[in-house]
Amino acid sequence: MKKHTAVIIVVALSIVTILSMGVWFLLNGKDTYYYTQIDTAKMTENEEAGRGGVIDFTGGMRYLYTLTCYDGNGKEKELNFGANKELRDQAFLKLTVRPVQGVVAWEEVQYNDMPDHVKEKYTSPQQ
């Protein structure tokens, strides 16, 4: 009986530890920043947005973007994200990306505010 109880306690503690680590990872995973330029030709309108439903994997976002993005070192990655409004064509964005969750936030930035490795990928708006 003692052996059976000990096994149950070890299994329960293992499950609690794994779940706690998973929650910590989701909430405190290291943010990575990517930069991109809006290309409205690569935007799709989400026809299902705002209709409700049991599960909405788009977060209710009306406009969905799939764009080539670059981290601070100029490493390329294609990312998907949504917005409730159509974003300004050719605007530069800084995307906040978390492990598992993907893009969790974005903000418009000026060309000169981007890292040099990223600026090399785009043409300056003054040219």
C-alpha atoms as a PDB file:
ATOM      1  CA  MET A   1       0.000   0.000   0.000  1.00  0.00           C
ATOM      2  CA  LYS A   2       2.819   2.441   0.838  1.00  0.00           C
ATOM      3  CA  LYS A   3       4.513   1.711  -2.485  1.00  0.00           C
ATOM      4  CA  HIS A   4       1.283   2.396  -4.382  1.00  0.00           C
ATOM      5  CA  THR A   5       0.781   5.715  -2.559  1.00  0.00           C
ATOM      6  CA  ALA A   6       4.384   6.756  -3.218  1.00  0.00           C
ATOM      7  CA  VAL A   7       3.964   6.072  -6.955  1.00  0.00           C
ATOM      8  CA  ILE A   8       0.772   8.144  -7.061  1.00  0.00           C
ATOM      9  CA  ILE A   9       2.484  11.038  -5.260  1.00  0.00           C
ATOM     10  CA  VAL A  10       5.489  10.946  -7.631  1.00  0.00           C
ATOM     11  CA  VAL A  11       3.241  10.876 -10.703  1.00  0.00           C
ATOM     12  CA  ALA A  12       1.082  13.724  -9.367  1.00  0.00           C
ATOM     13  CA  LEU A  13       4.136  15.863  -8.578  1.00  0.00           C
ATOM     14  CA  SER A  14       5.567  15.169 -12.040  1.00  0.00           C
ATOM     15  CA  ILE A  15       2.326  16.255 -13.700  1.00  0.00           C
ATOM     16  CA  VAL A  16       2.141  19.433 -11.612  1.00  0.00           C
ATOM     17  CA  THR A  17       5.785  20.244 -12.415  1.00  0.00           C
ATOM     18  CA  ILE A  18       5.310  19.723 -16.155  1.00  0.00           C
ATOM     19  CA  LEU A  19       2.129  21.818 -16.209  1.00  0.00           C
ATOM     20  CA  SER A  20       3.789  24.588 -14.193  1.00  0.00           C
ATOM     21  CA  MET A  21       6.749  24.689 -16.560  1.00  0.00           C
ATOM     22  CA  GLY A  22       4.377  24.827 -19.552  1.00  0.00           C
ATOM     23  CA  VAL A  23       2.406  27.735 -18.089  1.00  0.00           C
ATOM     24  CA  TRP A  24       5.628  29.584 -17.219  1.00  0.00           C
ATOM     25  CA  PHE A  25       6.948  29.034 -20.749  1.00  0.00           C
ATOM     26  CA  LEU A  26       3.757  30.365 -22.328  1.00  0.00           C
ATOM     27  CA  LEU A  27       3.586  33.413 -20.086  1.00  0.00           C
ATOM     28  CA  ASN A  28       7.272  34.230 -19.773  1.00  0.00           C
ATOM     29  CA  GLY A  29       8.862  32.932 -22.939  1.00  0.00           C
ATOM     30  CA  LYS A  30      11.472  35.268 -24.347  1.00  0.00           C
ATOM     31  CA  ASP A  31      10.036  37.802 -26.777  1.00  0.00           C
ATOM     32  CA  THR A  32      11.725  38.067 -30.157  1.00  0.00           C
ATOM     33  CA  TYR A  33      11.312  41.132 -32.328  1.00  0.00           C
ATOM     34  CA  TYR A  34      10.901  41.003 -36.090  1.00  0.00           C
ATOM     35  CA  TYR A  35      10.535  43.819 -38.579  1.00  0.00           C
ATOM     36  CA  THR A  36       8.543  43.890 -41.784  1.00  0.00           C
ATOM     37  CA  GLN A  37       6.999  46.204 -44.346  1.00  0.00           C
ATOM     38  CA  ILE A  38       3.293  46.018 -45.094  1.00  0.00           C
ATOM     39  CA  ASP A  39       2.370  44.775 -48.550  1.00  0.00           C
ATOM     40  CA  THR A  40      -1.412  44.929 -48.863  1.00  0.00           C
ATOM     41  CA  ALA A  41      -1.206  42.546 -51.839  1.00  0.00           C
ATOM     42  CA  LYS A  42      -0.314  39.846 -49.282  1.00  0.00           C
ATOM     43  CA  MET A  43      -3.280  40.646 -47.042  1.00  0.00           C
ATOM     44  CA  THR A  44      -6.448  38.574 -46.954  1.00  0.00           C
ATOM     45  CA  GLU A  45      -9.750  39.593 -45.483  1.00  0.00           C
ATOM     46  CA  ASN A  46     -11.132  37.167 -42.927  1.00  0.00           C
ATOM     47  CA  GLU A  47     -14.746  36.566 -43.902  1.00  0.00           C
ATOM     48  CA  GLU A  48     -15.428  34.754 -40.627  1.00  0.00           C
ATOM     49  CA  ALA A  49     -14.296  37.587 -38.326  1.00  0.00           C
ATOM     50  CA  GLY A  50     -16.928  38.814 -35.943  1.00  0.00           C
ATOM     51  CA  ARG A  51     -19.342  35.947 -36.596  1.00  0.00           C
ATOM     52  CA  GLY A  52     -18.639  34.333 -33.266  1.00  0.00           C
ATOM     53  CA  GLY A  53     -18.461  30.612 -32.884  1.00  0.00           C
ATOM     54  CA  VAL A  54     -17.091  28.121 -30.458  1.00  0.00           C
ATOM     55  CA  ILE A  55     -13.454  28.308 -31.579  1.00  0.00           C
ATOM     56  CA  ASP A  56     -11.927  31.209 -33.470  1.00  0.00           C
ATOM     57  CA  PHE A  57      -8.290  30.535 -34.371  1.00  0.00           C
ATOM     58  CA  THR A  58      -7.846  33.990 -35.932  1.00  0.00           C
ATOM     59  CA  GLY A  59      -8.583  35.862 -32.708  1.00  0.00           C
ATOM     60  CA  GLY A  60     -11.422  37.690 -34.447  1.00  0.00           C
ATOM     61  CA  MET A  61      -8.983  39.620 -36.610  1.00  0.00           C
ATOM     62  CA  ARG A  62     -10.526  40.958 -39.791  1.00  0.00           C
ATOM     63  CA  TYR A  63      -7.315  41.341 -41.814  1.00  0.00           C
ATOM     64  CA  LEU A  64      -4.714  38.592 -42.011  1.00  0.00           C
ATOM     65  CA  TYR A  65      -1.141  39.136 -43.184  1.00  0.00           C
ATOM     66  CA  THR A  66       1.575  36.678 -44.221  1.00  0.00           C
ATOM     67  CA  LEU A  67       4.803  38.607 -44.671  1.00  0.00           C
ATOM     68  CA  THR A  68       8.539  38.089 -44.835  1.00  0.00           C
ATOM     69  CA  CYS A  69      10.062  39.447 -41.636  1.00  0.00           C
ATOM     70  CA  TYR A  70      13.591  39.931 -40.291  1.00  0.00           C
ATOM     71  CA  ASP A  71      15.018  39.746 -36.787  1.00  0.00           C
ATOM     72  CA  GLY A  72      17.604  42.253 -35.522  1.00  0.00           C
ATOM     73  CA  ASN A  73      20.396  40.262 -37.203  1.00  0.00           C
ATOM     74  CA  GLY A  74      18.645  40.227 -40.575  1.00  0.00           C
ATOM     75  CA  LYS A  75      17.585  36.567 -40.343  1.00  0.00           C
ATOM     76  CA  GLU A  76      14.494  35.993 -42.505  1.00  0.00           C
ATOM     77  CA  LYS A  77      11.282  34.330 -41.342  1.00  0.00           C
ATOM     78  CA  GLU A  78       7.754  34.275 -42.760  1.00  0.00           C
ATOM     79  CA  LEU A  79       5.174  35.228 -40.130  1.00  0.00           C
ATOM     80  CA  ASN A  80       1.383  35.325 -39.995  1.00  0.00           C
ATOM     81  CA  PHE A  81      -0.502  37.906 -37.948  1.00  0.00           C
ATOM     82  CA  GLY A  82      -3.812  39.707 -37.881  1.00  0.00           C
ATOM     83  CA  ALA A  83      -5.178  43.203 -37.373  1.00  0.00           C
ATOM     84  CA  ASN A  84      -8.615  44.656 -36.793  1.00  0.00           C
ATOM     85  CA  LYS A  85      -7.970  47.376 -39.364  1.00  0.00           C
ATOM     86  CA  GLU A  86      -6.267  47.434 -42.736  1.00  0.00           C
ATOM     87  CA  LEU A  87      -2.677  48.507 -42.150  1.00  0.00           C
ATOM     88  CA  ARG A  88      -1.072  51.310 -44.133  1.00  0.00           C
ATOM     89  CA  ASP A  89       0.584  49.996 -47.287  1.00  0.00           C
ATOM     90  CA  GLN A  90       4.413  50.205 -47.169  1.00  0.00           C
ATOM     91  CA  ALA A  91       4.421  50.993 -43.415  1.00  0.00           C
ATOM     92  CA  PHE A  92       7.218  49.405 -41.371  1.00  0.00           C
ATOM     93  CA  LEU A  93       6.216  47.302 -38.384  1.00  0.00           C
ATOM     94  CA  LYS A  94       7.958  45.884 -35.340  1.00  0.00           C
ATOM     95  CA  LEU A  95       6.370  42.548 -34.395  1.00  0.00           C
ATOM     96  CA  THR A  96       6.613  40.995 -30.935  1.00  0.00           C
ATOM     97  CA  VAL A  97       6.799  37.205 -31.269  1.00  0.00           C
ATOM     98  CA  ARG A  98       6.603  34.667 -28.435  1.00  0.00           C
ATOM     99  CA  PRO A  99       7.344  30.948 -28.556  1.00  0.00           C
ATOM    100  CA  VAL A 100       4.215  28.867 -29.203  1.00  0.00           C
ATOM    101  CA  GLN A 101       1.932  31.944 -29.301  1.00  0.00           C
ATOM    102  CA  GLY A 102       3.429  33.564 -32.412  1.00  0.00           C
ATOM    103  CA  VAL A 103       2.869  37.282 -33.058  1.00  0.00           C
ATOM    104  CA  VAL A 104       1.334  38.815 -29.937  1.00  0.00           C
ATOM    105  CA  ALA A 105       1.736  42.522 -30.772  1.00  0.00           C
ATOM    106  CA  TRP A 106       2.816  44.903 -33.508  1.00  0.00           C
ATOM    107  CA  GLU A 107       3.575  48.594 -33.753  1.00  0.00           C
ATOM    108  CA  GLU A 108       4.398  50.902 -36.635  1.00  0.00           C
ATOM    109  CA  VAL A 109       8.007  52.139 -36.632  1.00  0.00           C
ATOM    110  CA  GLN A 110      10.044  54.520 -38.741  1.00  0.00           C
ATOM    111  CA  TYR A 111      12.656  53.192 -41.160  1.00  0.00           C
ATOM    112  CA  ASN A 112      15.481  54.830 -39.170  1.00  0.00           C
ATOM    113  CA  ASP A 113      14.326  53.130 -35.946  1.00  0.00           C
ATOM    114  CA  MET A 114      14.973  49.637 -37.328  1.00  0.00           C
ATOM    115  CA  PRO A 115      18.269  47.769 -36.800  1.00  0.00           C
ATOM    116  CA  ASP A 116      20.888  48.274 -39.527  1.00  0.00           C
ATOM    117  CA  HIS A 117      20.718  44.604 -40.586  1.00  0.00           C
ATOM    118  CA  VAL A 118      17.001  45.041 -41.233  1.00  0.00           C
ATOM    119  CA  LYS A 119      17.367  48.356 -43.058  1.00  0.00           C
ATOM    120  CA  GLU A 120      19.684  46.602 -45.536  1.00  0.00           C
ATOM    121  CA  LYS A 121      16.674  44.504 -46.630  1.00  0.00           C
ATOM    122  CA  TYR A 122      14.501  47.489 -47.541  1.00  0.00           C
ATOM    123  CA  THR A 123      14.779  50.639 -49.610  1.00  0.00           C
ATOM    124  CA  SER A 124      14.824  53.845 -47.596  1.00  0.00           C
ATOM    125  CA  PRO A 125      11.594  55.837 -48.085  1.00  0.00           C
ATOM    126  CA  GLN A 126      13.683  59.010 -48.733  1.00  0.00           C
ATOM    127  CA  GLN A 127      15.303  57.485 -51.850  1.00  0.00           C
END
